[in-house]
């Protein structure tokens, strides 16, 4: 299984080098893997900021 992954990575790297003008695009899974932790951190941060603002207004 690991050799198949290495071969696929080598092929994709070779394809990227063969087309110098081609941009490397992220898959939608990679987008979700990046967006989910950011959304979770924002969900924790925003209520804390609200509490601080309310305390400052008092």
PDB file of N, CA and C in Angstrom:
ATOM      1  N   UNK A   1       0.823  -1.191   0.000  1.00  0.00           N
ATOM      2  CA  UNK A   1       0.000   0.000   0.000  1.00  0.00           C
ATOM      3  C   UNK A   1       0.869   1.258   0.000  1.00  0.00           C
ATOM      4  N   UNK A   2       1.954   1.229   0.773  1.00  0.00           N
ATOM      5  CA  UNK A   2       2.809   2.402   0.857  1.00  0.00           C
ATOM      6  C   UNK A   2       3.521   2.660  -0.464  1.00  0.00           C
ATOM      7  N   UNK A   3       3.904   1.604  -1.175  1.00  0.00           N
ATOM      8  CA  UNK A   3       4.595   1.816  -2.442  1.00  0.00           C
ATOM      9  C   UNK A   3       3.662   2.430  -3.471  1.00  0.00           C
ATOM     10  N   UNK A   4       2.373   2.088  -3.413  1.00  0.00           N
ATOM     11  CA  UNK A   4       1.415   2.691  -4.333  1.00  0.00           C
ATOM     12  C   UNK A   4       1.325   4.187  -4.065  1.00  0.00           C
ATOM     13  N   UNK A   5       1.286   4.560  -2.785  1.00  0.00           N
ATOM     14  CA  UNK A   5       1.214   5.982  -2.426  1.00  0.00           C
ATOM     15  C   UNK A   5       2.462   6.708  -2.902  1.00  0.00           C
ATOM     16  N   UNK A   6       3.633   6.116  -2.703  1.00  0.00           N
ATOM     17  CA  UNK A   6       4.875   6.751  -3.144  1.00  0.00           C
ATOM     18  C   UNK A   6       4.900   6.907  -4.654  1.00  0.00           C
ATOM     19  N   UNK A   7       4.423   5.882  -5.364  1.00  0.00           N
ATOM     20  CA  UNK A   7       4.394   5.969  -6.825  1.00  0.00           C
ATOM     21  C   UNK A   7       3.453   7.074  -7.283  1.00  0.00           C
ATOM     22  N   UNK A   8       2.291   7.196  -6.639  1.00  0.00           N
ATOM     23  CA  UNK A   8       1.346   8.242  -7.011  1.00  0.00           C
ATOM     24  C   UNK A   8       1.922   9.627  -6.737  1.00  0.00           C
ATOM     25  N   UNK A   9       2.616   9.770  -5.616  1.00  0.00           N
ATOM     26  CA  UNK A   9       3.233  11.058  -5.306  1.00  0.00           C
ATOM     27  C   UNK A   9       4.317  11.392  -6.320  1.00  0.00           C
ATOM     28  N   UNK A  10       5.096  10.391  -6.712  1.00  0.00           N
ATOM     29  CA  UNK A  10       6.144  10.616  -7.701  1.00  0.00           C
ATOM     30  C   UNK A  10       5.537  11.000  -9.042  1.00  0.00           C
ATOM     31  N   UNK A  11       4.444  10.342  -9.415  1.00  0.00           N
ATOM     32  CA  UNK A  11       3.793  10.665 -10.682  1.00  0.00           C
ATOM     33  C   UNK A  11       3.205  12.075 -10.657  1.00  0.00           C
ATOM     34  N   UNK A  12       2.590  12.446  -9.534  1.00  0.00           N
ATOM     35  CA  UNK A  12       2.001  13.785  -9.465  1.00  0.00           C
ATOM     36  C   UNK A  12       3.094  14.858  -9.461  1.00  0.00           C
ATOM     37  N   UNK A  13       4.221  14.569  -8.815  1.00  0.00           N
ATOM     38  CA  UNK A  13       5.330  15.523  -8.823  1.00  0.00           C
ATOM     39  C   UNK A  13       5.906  15.652 -10.224  1.00  0.00           C
ATOM     40  N   UNK A  14       6.010  14.535 -10.922  1.00  0.00           N
ATOM     41  CA  UNK A  14       6.531  14.573 -12.290  1.00  0.00           C
ATOM     42  C   UNK A  14       5.575  15.329 -13.204  1.00  0.00           C
ATOM     43  N   UNK A  15       4.280  15.145 -13.003  1.00  0.00           N
ATOM     44  CA  UNK A  15       3.304  15.852 -13.820  1.00  0.00           C
ATOM     45  C   UNK A  15       3.358  17.355 -13.541  1.00  0.00           C
ATOM     46  N   UNK A  16       3.572  17.725 -12.301  1.00  0.00           N
ATOM     47  CA  UNK A  16       3.662  19.142 -11.955  1.00  0.00           C
ATOM     48  C   UNK A  16       4.897  19.775 -12.581  1.00  0.00           C
ATOM     49  N   UNK A  17       5.984  19.026 -12.634  1.00  0.00           N
ATOM     50  CA  UNK A  17       7.207  19.547 -13.244  1.00  0.00           C
ATOM     51  C   UNK A  17       7.086  19.619 -14.762  1.00  0.00           C
ATOM     52  N   UNK A  18       6.315  18.715 -15.338  1.00  0.00           N
ATOM     53  CA  UNK A  18       6.174  18.684 -16.791  1.00  0.00           C
ATOM     54  C   UNK A  18       5.392  19.888 -17.296  1.00  0.00           C
ATOM     55  N   UNK A  19       4.493  20.429 -16.481  1.00  0.00           N
ATOM     56  CA  UNK A  19       3.688  21.583 -16.879  1.00  0.00           C
ATOM     57  C   UNK A  19       4.065  22.770 -16.001  1.00  0.00           C
ATOM     58  N   UNK A  20       5.043  23.563 -16.413  1.00  0.00           N
ATOM     59  CA  UNK A  20       5.521  24.643 -15.547  1.00  0.00           C
ATOM     60  C   UNK A  20       4.471  25.710 -15.247  1.00  0.00           C
ATOM     61  N   UNK A  21       3.497  25.896 -16.140  1.00  0.00           N
ATOM     62  CA  UNK A  21       2.499  26.926 -15.916  1.00  0.00           C
ATOM     63  C   UNK A  21       1.309  26.439 -15.107  1.00  0.00           C
ATOM     64  N   UNK A  22       1.237  25.120 -14.866  1.00  0.00           N
ATOM     65  CA  UNK A  22       0.075  24.558 -14.169  1.00  0.00           C
ATOM     66  C   UNK A  22       0.188  24.823 -12.670  1.00  0.00           C
ATOM     67  N   UNK A  23      -0.916  25.228 -12.074  1.00  0.00           N
ATOM     68  CA  UNK A  23      -0.946  25.474 -10.637  1.00  0.00           C
ATOM     69  C   UNK A  23      -1.394  24.196  -9.922  1.00  0.00           C
ATOM     70  N   UNK A  24      -0.873  23.991  -8.729  1.00  0.00           N
ATOM     71  CA  UNK A  24      -1.260  22.826  -7.930  1.00  0.00           C
ATOM     72  C   UNK A  24      -2.500  23.189  -7.138  1.00  0.00           C
ATOM     73  N   UNK A  25      -3.580  22.467  -7.349  1.00  0.00           N
ATOM     74  CA  UNK A  25      -4.843  22.759  -6.673  1.00  0.00           C
ATOM     75  C   UNK A  25      -5.042  21.816  -5.491  1.00  0.00           C
ATOM     76  N   UNK A  26      -5.661  22.326  -4.438  1.00  0.00           N
ATOM     77  CA  UNK A  26      -5.982  21.499  -3.285  1.00  0.00           C
ATOM     78  C   UNK A  26      -7.282  20.754  -3.537  1.00  0.00           C
ATOM     79  N   UNK A  27      -7.380  19.580  -2.963  1.00  0.00           N
ATOM     80  CA  UNK A  27      -8.630  18.840  -3.053  1.00  0.00           C
ATOM     81  C   UNK A  27      -9.631  19.435  -2.056  1.00  0.00           C
ATOM     82  N   UNK A  28     -10.899  19.110  -2.236  1.00  0.00           N
ATOM     83  CA  UNK A  28     -11.906  19.636  -1.314  1.00  0.00           C
ATOM     84  C   UNK A  28     -11.707  19.069   0.090  1.00  0.00           C
ATOM     85  N   UNK A  29     -11.182  17.847   0.185  1.00  0.00           N
ATOM     86  CA  UNK A  29     -10.908  17.279   1.513  1.00  0.00           C
ATOM     87  C   UNK A  29      -9.852  18.103   2.239  1.00  0.00           C
ATOM     88  N   UNK A  30      -8.837  18.536   1.529  1.00  0.00           N
ATOM     89  CA  UNK A  30      -7.813  19.365   2.155  1.00  0.00           C
ATOM     90  C   UNK A  30      -8.400  20.700   2.602  1.00  0.00           C
ATOM     91  N   UNK A  31      -9.310  21.243   1.801  1.00  0.00           N
ATOM     92  CA  UNK A  31      -9.957  22.494   2.196  1.00  0.00           C
ATOM     93  C   UNK A  31     -10.745  22.307   3.487  1.00  0.00           C
ATOM     94  N   UNK A  32     -11.507  21.217   3.579  1.00  0.00           N
ATOM     95  CA  UNK A  32     -12.285  20.956   4.794  1.00  0.00           C
ATOM     96  C   UNK A  32     -11.373  20.694   5.984  1.00  0.00           C
ATOM     97  N   UNK A  33     -10.266  19.998   5.763  1.00  0.00           N
ATOM     98  CA  UNK A  33      -9.340  19.691   6.851  1.00  0.00           C
ATOM     99  C   UNK A  33      -8.704  20.965   7.404  1.00  0.00           C
ATOM    100  N   UNK A  34      -8.588  21.990   6.585  1.00  0.00           N
ATOM    101  CA  UNK A  34      -8.038  23.265   7.045  1.00  0.00           C
ATOM    102  C   UNK A  34      -9.135  24.122   7.675  1.00  0.00           C
ATOM    103  N   UNK A  35     -10.321  24.119   7.058  1.00  0.00           N
ATOM    104  CA  UNK A  35     -11.391  25.005   7.511  1.00  0.00           C
ATOM    105  C   UNK A  35     -12.005  24.555   8.832  1.00  0.00           C
ATOM    106  N   UNK A  36     -12.109  23.266   9.078  1.00  0.00           N
ATOM    107  CA  UNK A  36     -12.768  22.788  10.292  1.00  0.00           C
ATOM    108  C   UNK A  36     -12.057  23.210  11.579  1.00  0.00           C
ATOM    109  N   UNK A  37     -10.747  23.026  11.699  1.00  0.00           N
ATOM    110  CA  UNK A  37     -10.104  23.498  12.943  1.00  0.00           C
ATOM    111  C   UNK A  37     -10.192  25.011  13.113  1.00  0.00           C
ATOM    112  N   UNK A  38     -10.125  25.747  12.006  1.00  0.00           N
ATOM    113  CA  UNK A  38     -10.234  27.201  12.099  1.00  0.00           C
ATOM    114  C   UNK A  38     -11.623  27.581  12.591  1.00  0.00           C
ATOM    115  N   UNK A  39     -12.654  26.923  12.063  1.00  0.00           N
ATOM    116  CA  UNK A  39     -14.025  27.208  12.499  1.00  0.00           C
ATOM    117  C   UNK A  39     -14.219  26.849  13.970  1.00  0.00           C
ATOM    118  N   UNK A  40     -13.628  25.749  14.403  1.00  0.00           N
ATOM    119  CA  UNK A  40     -13.752  25.351  15.809  1.00  0.00           C
ATOM    120  C   UNK A  40     -13.077  26.368  16.727  1.00  0.00           C
ATOM    121  N   UNK A  41     -11.905  26.841  16.334  1.00  0.00           N
ATOM    122  CA  UNK A  41     -11.210  27.844  17.147  1.00  0.00           C
ATOM    123  C   UNK A  41     -11.979  29.161  17.184  1.00  0.00           C
ATOM    124  N   UNK A  42     -12.565  29.559  16.069  1.00  0.00           N
ATOM    125  CA  UNK A  42     -13.371  30.778  16.043  1.00  0.00           C
ATOM    126  C   UNK A  42     -14.603  30.623  16.926  1.00  0.00           C
ATOM    127  N   UNK A  43     -15.191  29.425  16.927  1.00  0.00           N
ATOM    128  CA  UNK A  43     -16.345  29.176  17.774  1.00  0.00           C
ATOM    129  C   UNK A  43     -16.017  29.268  19.246  1.00  0.00           C
ATOM    130  N   UNK A  44     -14.802  28.965  19.617  1.00  0.00           N
ATOM    131  CA  UNK A  44     -14.373  29.111  21.010  1.00  0.00           C
ATOM    132  C   UNK A  44     -13.960  30.546  21.324  1.00  0.00           C
ATOM    133  N   UNK A  45     -13.396  31.228  20.354  1.00  0.00           N
ATOM    134  CA  UNK A  45     -12.860  32.563  20.587  1.00  0.00           C
ATOM    135  C   UNK A  45     -13.953  33.625  20.678  1.00  0.00           C
ATOM    136  N   UNK A  46     -14.954  33.562  19.809  1.00  0.00           N
ATOM    137  CA  UNK A  46     -15.962  34.622  19.765  1.00  0.00           C
ATOM    138  C   UNK A  46     -16.761  34.766  21.059  1.00  0.00           C
ATOM    139  N   UNK A  47     -17.224  33.687  21.702  1.00  0.00           N
ATOM    140  CA  UNK A  47     -17.911  33.869  22.989  1.00  0.00           C
ATOM    141  C   UNK A  47     -17.004  34.456  24.075  1.00  0.00           C
ATOM    142  N   UNK A  48     -15.726  34.105  24.048  1.00  0.00           N
ATOM    143  CA  UNK A  48     -14.795  34.656  25.035  1.00  0.00           C
ATOM    144  C   UNK A  48     -14.623  36.161  24.821  1.00  0.00           C
ATOM    145  N   UNK A  49     -14.548  36.583  23.569  1.00  0.00           N
ATOM    146  CA  UNK A  49     -14.420  38.012  23.270  1.00  0.00           C
ATOM    147  C   UNK A  49     -15.679  38.751  23.707  1.00  0.00           C
ATOM    148  N   UNK A  50     -16.834  38.150  23.503  1.00  0.00           N
ATOM    149  CA  UNK A  50     -18.089  38.773  23.935  1.00  0.00           C
ATOM    150  C   UNK A  50     -18.124  38.965  25.446  1.00  0.00           C
ATOM    151  N   UNK A  51     -17.669  37.959  26.169  1.00  0.00           N
ATOM    152  CA  UNK A  51     -17.662  38.069  27.632  1.00  0.00           C
ATOM    153  C   UNK A  51     -16.745  39.183  28.098  1.00  0.00           C
ATOM    154  N   UNK A  52     -15.597  39.306  27.463  1.00  0.00           N
ATOM    155  CA  UNK A  52     -14.652  40.358  27.825  1.00  0.00           C
ATOM    156  C   UNK A  52     -15.248  41.732  27.526  1.00  0.00           C
ATOM    157  N   UNK A  53     -15.911  41.863  26.382  1.00  0.00           N
ATOM    158  CA  UNK A  53     -16.528  43.147  26.039  1.00  0.00           C
ATOM    159  C   UNK A  53     -17.635  43.514  27.029  1.00  0.00           C
ATOM    160  N   UNK A  54     -18.443  42.523  27.413  1.00  0.00           N
ATOM    161  CA  UNK A  54     -19.501  42.791  28.365  1.00  0.00           C
ATOM    162  C   UNK A  54     -18.926  43.209  29.723  1.00  0.00           C
ATOM    163  N   UNK A  55     -17.865  42.541  30.134  1.00  0.00           N
ATOM    164  CA  UNK A  55     -17.225  42.891  31.404  1.00  0.00           C
ATOM    165  C   UNK A  55     -16.621  44.288  31.349  1.00  0.00           C
ATOM    166  N   UNK A  56     -16.084  44.663  30.192  1.00  0.00           N
ATOM    167  CA  UNK A  56     -15.483  45.990  30.055  1.00  0.00           C
ATOM    168  C   UNK A  56     -16.538  47.088  30.060  1.00  0.00           C
ATOM    169  N   UNK A  57     -17.732  46.774  29.572  1.00  0.00           N
ATOM    170  CA  UNK A  57     -18.808  47.772  29.539  1.00  0.00           C
ATOM    171  C   UNK A  57     -19.404  48.036  30.918  1.00  0.00           C
ATOM    172  N   UNK A  58     -19.199  47.124  31.856  1.00  0.00           N
ATOM    173  CA  UNK A  58     -19.784  47.300  33.198  1.00  0.00           C
ATOM    174  C   UNK A  58     -18.996  48.247  34.038  1.00  0.00           C
TER     175      UNK A  58
END
